[in-house]
Protein backbone atom coordinates (compact mmCIF):
# COMPACT_ATOMS: atom_id res chain seq x y z
CA MET A 1 25.69 4.51 6.91
CA ARG A 2 22.81 6.40 5.29
CA VAL A 3 20.87 3.17 4.73
CA ARG A 4 21.30 2.12 8.35
CA LYS A 5 20.24 5.56 9.59
CA LEU A 6 17.09 5.65 7.49
CA LEU A 7 16.15 2.17 8.62
CA GLY A 8 16.65 3.15 12.23
CA ILE A 9 14.44 6.20 11.86
CA THR A 10 11.69 4.23 10.17
CA VAL A 11 11.74 1.45 12.74
CA ALA A 12 11.64 4.09 15.47
CA ILE A 13 8.52 5.59 13.86
CA ALA A 14 6.95 2.13 13.65
CA THR A 15 7.77 1.53 17.31
CA ALA A 16 6.10 4.79 18.19
CA ILE A 17 2.99 3.73 16.27
CA THR A 18 2.91 0.43 18.12
CA ALA A 19 3.29 2.20 21.46
CA GLY A 20 0.48 4.61 20.62
CA LEU A 21 2.81 7.61 20.48
CA VAL A 22 1.88 8.37 16.90
CA ALA A 23 -1.62 8.06 15.51
CA PHE A 24 -2.68 8.08 11.87
CA ALA A 25 -6.12 9.49 11.10
CA PRO A 26 -8.16 8.05 8.23
CA PRO A 27 -6.97 9.66 4.96
CA ALA A 28 -8.90 12.46 3.35
CA ALA A 29 -11.83 11.39 1.22
CA ALA A 30 -10.31 13.10 -1.80
CA SER A 31 -7.32 10.74 -1.86
CA VAL A 32 -7.36 8.10 -4.58
CA PHE A 33 -6.23 4.63 -3.55
CA SER A 34 -5.48 1.56 -5.66
CA PRO A 35 -4.25 -2.01 -5.08
CA GLY A 36 -0.57 -2.80 -5.07
CA ALA A 37 0.61 -5.15 -7.82
CA PRO A 38 0.70 -8.89 -6.93
CA GLY A 39 4.28 -9.16 -8.24
CA ILE A 40 7.17 -6.89 -9.15
CA GLY A 41 7.52 -8.31 -12.65
CA ASP A 42 10.60 -10.47 -12.40
CA PRO A 43 10.86 -12.18 -15.81
CA TYR A 44 11.49 -15.58 -14.22
CA PHE A 45 9.16 -15.30 -11.21
CA PRO A 46 6.45 -12.76 -12.13
CA LEU A 47 4.49 -13.17 -8.89
CA GLU A 48 7.46 -12.99 -6.53
CA GLY A 49 7.63 -9.75 -4.61
CA ASN A 50 4.80 -7.25 -4.50
CA GLY A 51 4.08 -3.70 -5.60
CA GLY A 52 2.96 -0.61 -3.74
CA TYR A 53 5.28 -0.72 -0.73
CA ARG A 54 8.82 -1.37 0.44
CA PRO A 55 9.54 -3.76 3.32
CA LEU A 56 11.83 -2.42 6.02
CA HIS A 57 11.85 -4.87 8.93
CA TYR A 58 10.48 -8.35 9.63
CA ASP A 59 9.82 -9.43 13.20
CA LEU A 60 9.16 -13.18 13.35
CA ASN A 61 7.77 -14.38 16.67
CA LEU A 62 7.35 -18.11 16.08
CA SER A 63 7.26 -21.43 17.88
CA TYR A 64 8.13 -24.79 16.35
CA ASP A 65 7.35 -28.27 17.61
CA PRO A 66 9.51 -30.93 15.90
CA ALA A 67 7.19 -33.69 17.14
CA THR A 68 4.13 -32.33 15.32
CA LYS A 69 6.03 -30.32 12.67
CA ASN A 70 3.84 -27.36 13.52
CA LEU A 71 5.10 -23.79 13.06
CA ALA A 72 2.96 -21.06 14.63
CA GLY A 73 3.18 -17.40 15.50
CA VAL A 74 3.07 -13.87 14.19
CA MET A 75 5.02 -12.13 11.44
CA THR A 76 5.06 -8.35 11.88
CA LEU A 77 6.32 -6.33 8.94
CA THR A 78 7.29 -2.68 9.05
CA ALA A 79 6.90 -1.19 5.57
CA VAL A 80 6.43 2.10 3.78
CA ALA A 81 3.83 2.68 1.07
CA THR A 82 5.14 3.74 -2.34
CA GLN A 83 1.66 4.60 -3.62
CA ASN A 84 -1.73 5.29 -2.11
CA LEU A 85 -2.76 1.74 -1.27
CA SER A 86 -6.25 0.33 -1.01
CA SER A 87 -4.83 -3.19 -0.66
CA PHE A 88 -1.51 -4.97 -0.94
CA ASP A 89 -0.13 -8.50 -1.17
CA LEU A 90 2.31 -10.70 0.68
CA ASP A 91 3.71 -13.95 -0.70
CA LEU A 92 2.69 -17.04 1.27
CA GLN A 93 2.65 -20.66 0.14
CA GLY A 94 0.43 -22.97 2.18
CA LEU A 95 0.01 -22.46 5.94
CA ASN A 96 -3.13 -21.22 7.66
CA VAL A 97 -3.73 -17.50 8.13
CA ARG A 98 -5.68 -16.90 11.33
CA SER A 99 -5.83 -13.11 11.41
CA VAL A 100 -4.31 -9.98 9.89
CA SER A 101 -4.04 -6.45 11.22
CA VAL A 102 -2.68 -3.23 9.74
CA ASP A 103 -1.58 -0.53 12.19
CA SER A 104 -3.33 -2.53 14.93
CA PHE A 105 -6.72 -2.47 13.15
CA PRO A 106 -8.16 -5.82 11.99
CA ALA A 107 -7.82 -6.13 8.21
CA ALA A 108 -9.70 -8.17 5.64
CA PHE A 109 -7.68 -10.72 3.70
CA SER A 110 -8.05 -13.32 0.96
CA ARG A 111 -5.89 -16.08 -0.54
CA ASN A 112 -5.22 -16.84 -4.21
CA GLY A 113 -2.36 -19.25 -4.82
CA GLN A 114 0.76 -17.77 -3.24
CA GLU A 115 -0.85 -14.33 -2.93
CA LEU A 116 -2.15 -13.17 0.44
CA THR A 117 -4.14 -10.03 -0.37
CA ILE A 118 -4.71 -7.65 2.54
CA LYS A 119 -7.26 -4.83 2.61
CA PRO A 120 -6.63 -2.44 5.50
CA ARG A 121 -9.50 -0.63 7.21
CA PHE A 122 -8.12 2.69 5.98
CA GLY A 123 -6.18 3.40 2.80
CA LEU A 124 -2.43 3.76 3.22
CA LEU A 125 -0.92 7.04 2.08
CA ARG A 126 2.13 7.08 -0.16
CA GLY A 127 5.30 7.70 1.86
CA GLY A 128 3.72 6.64 5.12
CA PRO A 129 5.04 3.79 7.28
CA PHE A 130 2.69 1.03 8.33
CA LEU A 131 2.72 -2.22 10.30
CA VAL A 132 1.11 -5.43 9.11
CA ALA A 133 0.83 -8.38 11.48
CA VAL A 134 -0.11 -11.86 10.23
CA LYS A 135 -0.95 -14.63 12.68
CA TYR A 136 -0.50 -18.04 11.06
CA ASP A 137 0.31 -21.69 11.63
CA GLY A 138 0.80 -25.01 9.90
CA SER A 139 3.49 -27.33 8.59
CA PRO A 140 5.73 -25.64 6.00
CA GLN A 141 5.77 -27.41 2.66
CA THR A 142 9.12 -28.56 1.32
CA ILE A 143 9.44 -27.68 -2.37
CA VAL A 144 10.23 -30.86 -4.31
CA GLY A 145 10.55 -31.79 -7.96
CA SER A 146 11.41 -28.29 -9.17
CA PRO A 147 13.89 -28.16 -12.08
CA VAL A 148 14.89 -24.68 -10.96
CA VAL A 149 17.30 -26.06 -8.36
CA PHE A 150 18.41 -29.27 -10.06
CA GLY A 151 15.32 -31.10 -8.79
CA ALA A 152 16.57 -31.15 -5.19
CA PRO A 153 14.13 -30.46 -2.36
CA TYR A 154 14.57 -27.00 -0.83
CA GLY A 155 12.93 -24.55 1.52
CA TRP A 156 11.88 -25.96 4.89
CA ILE A 157 13.65 -29.34 5.14
CA TYR A 158 12.53 -31.54 8.03
CA THR A 159 15.37 -33.20 9.94
CA ASP A 160 15.43 -35.78 12.75
CA ASP A 161 15.98 -33.09 15.37
CA GLY A 162 14.39 -30.00 13.80
CA ALA A 163 14.72 -28.14 10.52
CA PHE A 164 17.24 -27.12 7.86
CA VAL A 165 15.96 -23.98 6.08
CA GLY A 166 17.46 -23.02 2.70
CA CYS A 167 15.13 -21.02 0.50
CA GLU A 168 16.77 -19.96 -2.78
CA PRO A 169 15.12 -18.88 -4.97
CA ASN A 170 11.43 -18.77 -3.96
CA ALA A 171 10.82 -20.73 -0.75
CA ALA A 172 10.93 -18.05 1.95
CA SER A 173 7.17 -17.73 1.55
CA THR A 174 6.73 -21.38 2.57
CA TRP A 175 7.43 -20.47 6.22
CA TYR A 176 6.71 -16.76 6.64
CA PRO A 177 4.59 -14.19 4.77
CA SER A 178 6.97 -11.95 2.88
CA ASP A 179 7.74 -9.67 -0.03
CA ASP A 180 9.68 -12.57 -1.50
CA HIS A 181 12.11 -11.11 -4.05
CA PRO A 182 15.85 -10.42 -3.65
CA SER A 183 15.38 -6.73 -4.51
CA MET A 184 13.02 -6.30 -1.55
CA LYS A 185 15.59 -6.29 1.26
CA ALA A 186 14.80 -5.69 4.91
CA THR A 187 16.27 -6.22 8.37
CA PHE A 188 15.13 -9.13 10.54
CA THR A 189 14.49 -10.02 14.17
CA TYR A 190 13.63 -13.59 15.15
CA HIS A 191 12.07 -14.80 18.40
CA ILE A 192 11.95 -18.58 17.93
CA THR A 193 10.61 -20.87 20.65
CA VAL A 194 11.52 -24.57 20.59
CA PRO A 195 11.61 -27.48 23.05
CA ALA A 196 14.22 -26.97 25.76
CA ASP A 197 16.47 -29.72 24.38
CA ARG A 198 16.76 -27.93 20.99
CA SER A 199 18.51 -24.76 19.89
CA VAL A 200 18.06 -22.23 17.10
CA VAL A 201 20.72 -20.63 14.93
CA ALA A 202 19.81 -17.85 12.51
CA ASN A 203 21.21 -14.83 10.68
CA GLY A 204 22.97 -12.02 12.50
CA ASP A 205 23.68 -12.08 16.21
CA LEU A 206 22.18 -13.91 19.16
CA GLN A 207 20.57 -11.32 21.44
CA SER A 208 19.14 -13.51 24.17
CA THR A 209 18.25 -17.04 25.25
CA ARG A 210 15.25 -17.28 27.56
CA HIS A 211 14.33 -20.56 29.27
CA HIS A 212 10.71 -20.99 30.36
CA GLY A 213 9.48 -24.37 31.51
CA ASP A 214 10.10 -27.03 28.92
CA GLN A 215 10.78 -24.47 26.18
CA THR A 216 13.48 -21.99 25.19
CA THR A 217 13.14 -18.81 23.14
CA PHE A 218 16.12 -17.69 21.05
CA THR A 219 16.24 -14.09 19.81
CA TRP A 220 18.47 -13.35 16.83
CA ASN A 221 18.86 -10.00 15.09
CA GLU A 222 20.11 -9.22 11.58
CA THR A 223 20.65 -5.46 11.39
CA SER A 224 21.81 -5.30 7.76
CA PRO A 225 19.29 -5.39 4.89
CA MET A 226 18.79 -8.94 3.66
CA ALA A 227 16.98 -10.64 0.79
CA THR A 228 14.14 -12.88 1.94
CA TYR A 229 15.62 -16.10 0.54
CA LEU A 230 18.70 -15.60 2.71
CA ALA A 231 16.71 -15.70 5.94
CA THR A 232 17.08 -18.93 7.92
CA ILE A 233 16.13 -20.40 11.29
CA ASP A 234 17.82 -23.76 11.77
CA ILE A 235 16.57 -25.91 14.60
CA GLY A 236 18.38 -28.85 16.14
CA LYS A 237 20.88 -30.02 18.73
CA TRP A 238 23.82 -27.79 17.91
CA GLN A 239 27.39 -27.52 19.11
CA PHE A 240 28.16 -23.78 19.11
CA ARG A 241 31.55 -22.14 18.88
CA ASN A 242 31.96 -18.38 19.30
CA GLY A 243 34.92 -16.09 18.87
CA ARG A 244 36.53 -13.86 16.28
CA THR A 245 38.34 -14.36 13.00
CA PRO A 246 42.09 -13.59 13.02
CA GLY A 247 41.10 -10.19 11.57
CA GLY A 248 38.70 -9.49 14.42
CA ILE A 249 35.26 -10.19 12.87
CA PRO A 250 32.85 -11.87 15.33
CA GLU A 251 32.24 -15.50 14.36
CA THR A 252 29.67 -18.11 15.36
CA THR A 253 29.45 -21.65 14.04
CA ALA A 254 26.78 -24.23 14.83
CA THR A 255 27.48 -27.86 14.02
CA ASP A 256 25.34 -30.98 14.19
CA PRO A 257 27.06 -33.28 16.73
CA ALA A 258 26.91 -36.08 14.13
CA LEU A 259 29.41 -34.09 12.03
CA ALA A 260 31.57 -32.78 14.87
CA THR A 261 34.64 -34.73 13.79
CA GLN A 262 34.30 -34.24 10.03
CA ALA A 263 33.58 -30.51 10.37
CA ALA A 264 36.12 -29.78 13.09
CA GLY A 265 38.10 -27.42 10.85
CA ILE A 266 35.21 -25.30 9.57
CA TYR A 267 35.52 -22.64 12.28
CA ASP A 268 39.16 -21.85 11.48
CA LEU A 269 38.58 -22.13 7.73
CA THR A 270 35.61 -19.73 7.88
CA GLY A 271 37.68 -17.15 9.72
CA GLN A 272 40.57 -17.39 7.28
CA VAL A 273 38.35 -17.14 4.20
CA THR A 274 36.27 -14.27 5.56
CA ASP A 275 39.40 -12.27 6.34
CA TYR A 276 40.94 -12.94 2.92
CA TRP A 277 37.80 -11.98 1.03
CA SER A 278 37.71 -8.78 3.10
CA LYS A 279 41.06 -7.87 1.57
CA MET A 280 40.22 -8.93 -1.98
CA PHE A 281 36.56 -7.90 -2.34
CA GLY A 282 36.23 -5.01 0.09
CA PRO A 283 35.36 -4.72 3.78
CA TYR A 284 32.99 -7.28 5.25
CA SER A 285 29.51 -5.75 5.37
CA PHE A 286 27.89 -7.63 8.24
CA SER A 287 28.15 -7.82 12.02
CA SER A 288 29.38 -11.43 12.15
CA THR A 289 30.38 -14.43 10.09
CA GLY A 290 30.19 -18.17 10.66
CA ALA A 291 28.62 -21.41 9.50
CA ILE A 292 25.65 -23.72 10.07
CA VAL A 293 26.67 -27.34 9.49
CA ASP A 294 23.82 -29.84 9.56
CA ASN A 295 23.73 -33.52 8.74
CA VAL A 296 21.22 -33.72 5.89
CA PRO A 297 22.52 -36.57 3.70
CA ASP A 298 19.55 -36.67 1.32
CA ILE A 299 19.90 -32.97 0.45
CA GLY A 300 23.60 -32.31 0.07
CA PHE A 301 23.40 -28.62 -0.80
CA SER A 302 24.80 -25.45 0.71
CA LEU A 303 23.45 -21.91 0.64
CA GLU A 304 24.83 -18.44 1.29
CA THR A 305 22.40 -17.56 4.10
CA GLN A 306 23.49 -14.09 5.23
CA THR A 307 26.28 -13.91 7.84
CA ARG A 308 26.23 -17.66 8.36
CA PRO A 309 26.27 -19.97 5.30
CA LEU A 310 24.26 -23.15 5.55
CA TYR A 311 25.85 -26.52 4.78
CA GLY A 312 24.01 -29.84 4.66
CA PHE A 313 27.29 -31.73 5.06
CA ALA A 314 30.85 -31.25 6.33
CA ALA A 315 31.97 -28.73 3.70
CA GLY A 316 35.53 -28.41 2.43
CA PRO A 317 37.55 -25.39 1.28
CA GLY A 318 35.96 -25.21 -2.19
CA THR A 319 32.42 -25.00 -0.85
CA VAL A 320 33.26 -22.75 2.11
CA SER A 321 35.17 -20.26 -0.04
CA HIS A 322 32.28 -20.27 -2.56
CA GLU A 323 29.54 -19.63 0.00
CA LEU A 324 31.51 -17.02 1.91
CA ALA A 325 32.23 -15.17 -1.34
CA HIS A 326 28.46 -14.89 -1.69
CA GLN A 327 28.48 -12.67 1.39
CA TRP A 328 29.81 -10.06 -1.04
CA PHE A 329 28.29 -11.31 -4.31
CA GLY A 330 24.69 -12.26 -3.61
CA ASP A 331 24.19 -10.96 -0.07
CA THR A 332 25.83 -7.52 0.15
CA VAL A 333 25.02 -7.03 -3.56
CA SER A 334 21.96 -9.02 -4.57
CA VAL A 335 20.52 -9.53 -8.04
CA ALA A 336 17.99 -6.93 -9.21
CA SER A 337 16.14 -9.82 -10.88
CA TRP A 338 16.84 -13.52 -11.15
CA GLN A 339 18.09 -13.36 -14.76
CA HIS A 340 21.31 -11.81 -13.39
CA ILE A 341 22.12 -14.86 -11.27
CA TRP A 342 25.59 -15.25 -12.82
CA LEU A 343 26.56 -12.17 -10.76
CA ASN A 344 26.13 -14.44 -7.73
CA GLU A 345 27.16 -17.89 -8.90
CA GLY A 346 29.82 -17.03 -11.45
CA PHE A 347 31.51 -14.71 -8.97
CA ALA A 348 31.42 -17.23 -6.12
CA SER A 349 32.75 -19.98 -8.41
CA PHE A 350 35.61 -17.72 -9.49
CA ALA A 351 36.28 -17.00 -5.82
CA ALA A 352 36.67 -20.72 -5.11
CA TRP A 353 39.36 -20.83 -7.80
CA LEU A 354 40.93 -17.74 -6.26
CA TRP A 355 41.07 -19.45 -2.84
CA THR A 356 42.78 -22.43 -4.49
CA GLU A 357 45.33 -20.03 -5.99
CA HIS A 358 45.80 -18.25 -2.65
CA THR A 359 46.48 -21.53 -0.84
CA GLY A 360 49.14 -22.70 -3.28
CA GLY A 361 47.06 -24.40 -5.95
CA LEU A 362 46.40 -23.59 -9.59
CA PRO A 363 46.16 -19.94 -10.70
CA THR A 364 42.65 -18.86 -11.66
CA ALA A 365 43.68 -18.62 -15.31
CA GLN A 366 44.72 -22.29 -15.33
CA SER A 367 41.56 -23.41 -13.54
CA ALA A 368 39.52 -21.48 -16.10
CA LEU A 369 41.51 -22.89 -19.02
CA ASN A 370 41.00 -26.41 -17.69
CA ALA A 371 37.26 -25.78 -17.51
CA TYR A 372 37.27 -24.24 -20.99
CA ASN A 373 39.02 -27.29 -22.43
CA ARG A 374 36.70 -29.69 -20.64
CA PHE A 375 33.78 -28.92 -22.96
CA ALA A 376 33.96 -29.40 -26.72
CA ALA A 377 32.57 -26.69 -28.95
CA THR A 378 29.59 -28.95 -29.73
CA SER A 379 28.73 -29.47 -26.04
CA PRO A 380 25.30 -28.22 -24.87
CA PHE A 381 27.25 -26.51 -22.10
CA TRP A 382 27.91 -23.58 -24.42
CA ASN A 383 24.36 -23.31 -25.76
CA GLN A 384 23.19 -20.86 -23.12
CA SER A 385 23.42 -17.12 -22.61
CA ILE A 386 24.47 -16.98 -19.01
CA ALA A 387 23.49 -13.30 -18.79
CA ASP A 388 19.90 -14.51 -19.32
CA PRO A 389 19.98 -18.24 -18.56
CA GLN A 390 16.17 -18.76 -18.35
CA ARG A 391 14.24 -19.82 -15.28
CA ASP A 392 14.52 -23.62 -15.38
CA THR A 393 18.24 -23.51 -16.19
CA MET A 394 19.26 -20.54 -14.06
CA PHE A 395 21.41 -22.80 -11.87
CA SER A 396 23.03 -24.73 -14.70
CA SER A 397 26.70 -25.63 -14.54
CA ALA A 398 27.40 -23.04 -17.24
CA VAL A 399 26.10 -20.20 -15.05
CA TYR A 400 28.63 -21.24 -12.41
CA SER A 401 31.58 -22.35 -14.52
CA ARG A 402 31.29 -20.11 -17.58
CA GLY A 403 30.58 -17.21 -15.24
CA ALA A 404 33.81 -17.98 -13.40
CA MET A 405 35.67 -18.31 -16.73
CA THR A 406 34.41 -14.86 -17.71
CA LEU A 407 35.94 -13.29 -14.62
CA ALA A 408 39.20 -15.21 -14.97
CA ALA A 409 39.46 -14.11 -18.60
CA LEU A 410 38.70 -10.51 -17.59
CA ARG A 411 41.42 -10.63 -14.95
CA GLN A 412 43.88 -11.95 -17.52
CA ARG A 413 42.95 -9.24 -20.00
CA ILE A 414 43.04 -6.13 -17.78
CA GLY A 415 45.45 -7.12 -14.98
CA ASP A 416 45.07 -7.55 -11.24
CA ASP A 417 45.06 -3.88 -10.24
CA LYS A 418 42.06 -2.91 -12.37
CA PHE A 419 40.31 -6.25 -11.95
CA PHE A 420 40.20 -6.19 -8.16
CA ARG A 421 39.42 -2.48 -8.20
CA ILE A 422 36.32 -3.38 -10.23
CA LEU A 423 35.23 -6.01 -7.68
CA GLN A 424 35.83 -3.73 -4.70
CA THR A 425 34.07 -0.81 -6.36
CA TRP A 426 31.13 -3.07 -7.27
CA THR A 427 30.59 -4.18 -3.68
CA ALA A 428 31.02 -0.62 -2.40
CA ILE A 429 28.61 1.22 -4.70
CA HIS A 430 25.91 -1.48 -4.53
CA ARG A 431 26.30 -2.24 -0.82
CA TYR A 432 23.03 -3.44 0.73
CA SER A 433 21.38 -3.03 -2.66
CA THR A 434 21.18 -4.83 -5.99
CA GLY A 435 22.97 -4.95 -9.33
CA THR A 436 22.51 -5.95 -12.95
CA THR A 437 24.76 -7.35 -15.64
CA ASP A 438 24.69 -4.07 -17.56
CA GLN A 439 25.78 -2.18 -14.46
CA PHE A 440 28.69 -4.55 -13.92
CA THR A 441 29.89 -4.50 -17.53
CA SER A 442 29.63 -0.70 -17.61
CA LEU A 443 31.70 -0.45 -14.44
CA ALA A 444 34.30 -2.84 -15.86
CA GLN A 445 34.63 -0.73 -19.00
CA LYS A 446 34.93 2.48 -17.00
CA ILE A 447 37.63 1.24 -14.63
CA SER A 448 39.57 -0.75 -17.24
CA GLY A 449 39.53 2.09 -19.75
CA GLN A 450 38.89 -0.52 -22.46
CA ASP A 451 36.07 -1.26 -24.85
CA LEU A 452 34.93 -4.61 -23.46
CA SER A 453 31.62 -4.84 -25.30
CA GLY A 454 32.83 -7.58 -27.63
CA PHE A 455 34.46 -9.46 -24.76
CA PHE A 456 31.28 -9.53 -22.69
CA LYS A 457 29.10 -10.36 -25.69
CA THR A 458 31.27 -13.41 -26.38
CA TRP A 459 31.43 -14.64 -22.80
CA LEU A 460 28.00 -13.74 -21.43
CA TRP A 461 25.59 -13.65 -24.34
CA ASP A 462 26.76 -15.79 -27.26
CA LYS A 463 25.53 -19.40 -27.28
CA THR A 464 28.81 -20.70 -28.65
CA LYS A 465 32.21 -21.58 -27.25
CA PRO A 466 34.58 -18.58 -27.31
CA ALA A 467 37.33 -19.05 -29.89
CA SER A 468 39.96 -18.88 -27.18
CA PHE A 469 40.35 -18.31 -23.48
CA SER A 470 41.20 -14.60 -23.42
C-alpha cells in the first residue's frame, strides 16, 4: 500500500504542475547539474534504462492507422530526478521525434542510436518531480533476426487487422519513448485511437470507449507498477468476454474471431489458474486478469504482458499456466537485471508442471526427473550457468527446464510447507519491485533452515549435469 500511496501523491503533484497550480522557478545558480547516464549498466543490455531519474507514470495518447501502419501521438512521462540533471535520456528505436517539452517548456533534444537525449531549459533538481512530453510518429520497427529470443520476430508485430505487441526483452522502445529496463517500473494510462471497426485491448482495466466519427478512442489504465516490456496495446477485431474468476478477480479476455472456436475454453481456464496460483504463490497483485488471443501463425509465441497474457495462438493449459505464473514471477517480482531471467522462466516452467500435478497428472518431481533423464551428461544442455546464462542464450531451454528442475529438487529436499512459504514470502517482500538470484537463495536458506549453498551451486552455477536429481 505504501508504493501505491507514494505513486498517487507524485502523480497528484504532477497533475498540479500541469494545471499550473505548482510552479518551479529556475534553480539557483550555485547548483551543480550533470547529465544522467545513457544506461543503467545491465550486463546484458548496457544501454537499456537510463540514469538520473525514476519513471513513475506513462501516459500514452496515440493513434494508429492499420492501413498506413502509422503510429502517432504524445508520450507524457511523470518522473522524479535522482540527481541534479542537466540532461537525461529516454530509449527510443526508430520513429520520428517532432518535439519535446519538460514541465511545459520546449526542450532541446538529440538522437544517437536508441538514445533520445533531452536537455531541459532549466536544470532539474534532485528529488523534484518533472514531466517530459515527447511528440512522435512513424511505423514501429519489428525486431527480427535477434538470437536473444530464438530468432523470432518480436516487438510491434503487424497483423492483418492491426497489431500484436510483445516486447521482451528490449522492444518497448520501438513504439514509445521509455526508460526501457525491467527495474524501472511505472504505472500506465493509454488513450489509443483506432478506426471505428477496430478495438484495443491493453494492460489493466478499460476506463472508457469514446466514439467520434469514423474513429474510436479506448482508454485503459494499469494502476500497478509495471516493467516497460510488459506494456502492450493490441489492435484488431476482438471478441471480448468480461466477468470474474470463481474466486472473484475481475477478468477480461479478448480473442481474435478466427480463433473463437479453438480458444473457447481460455476464459474459464484463465480464471481457474489465476485462482489456484493465488493460493499457491500468494494473493494476486493486480486489478484484473485475462488473456489476449490473437491469430499470428508466423510468430507462435506468448508473453506474460501484465494482467493479460498475450498469446499468438489458441493456448492450452501448459502455456496458460506458465504465462499466468509470470504474473507473480516476472510481473509482480521482476528481474533486477536480465542475468536473473531464470527467476522468471524457471519459476513459470515449474508452475506449468505444478498445474499438471494439480489437475491429476505427473507430480512435479516426476516431471523434473523425466527432464533430467532426457539429457545425457555430455549434452550441451548442461553447459550453461543458468544463474548467468549470457545475453544471446538467456532464453535457452536450460534456463526454462533446468530452472524448473531446480525448484522441483528444492521442493523435494525441504518439503512442501517450507517450499511454498519461500515462494509466497518471495512474492510478498518483492511485490511491485525486483529480485536477484542471491536474494532468492538467501531467502530459501533462511526459511528452510538448511545450508543450501552447495545445492544451488550445483543446480544454478555449475556447467555440468548434477550427479542426481535431489
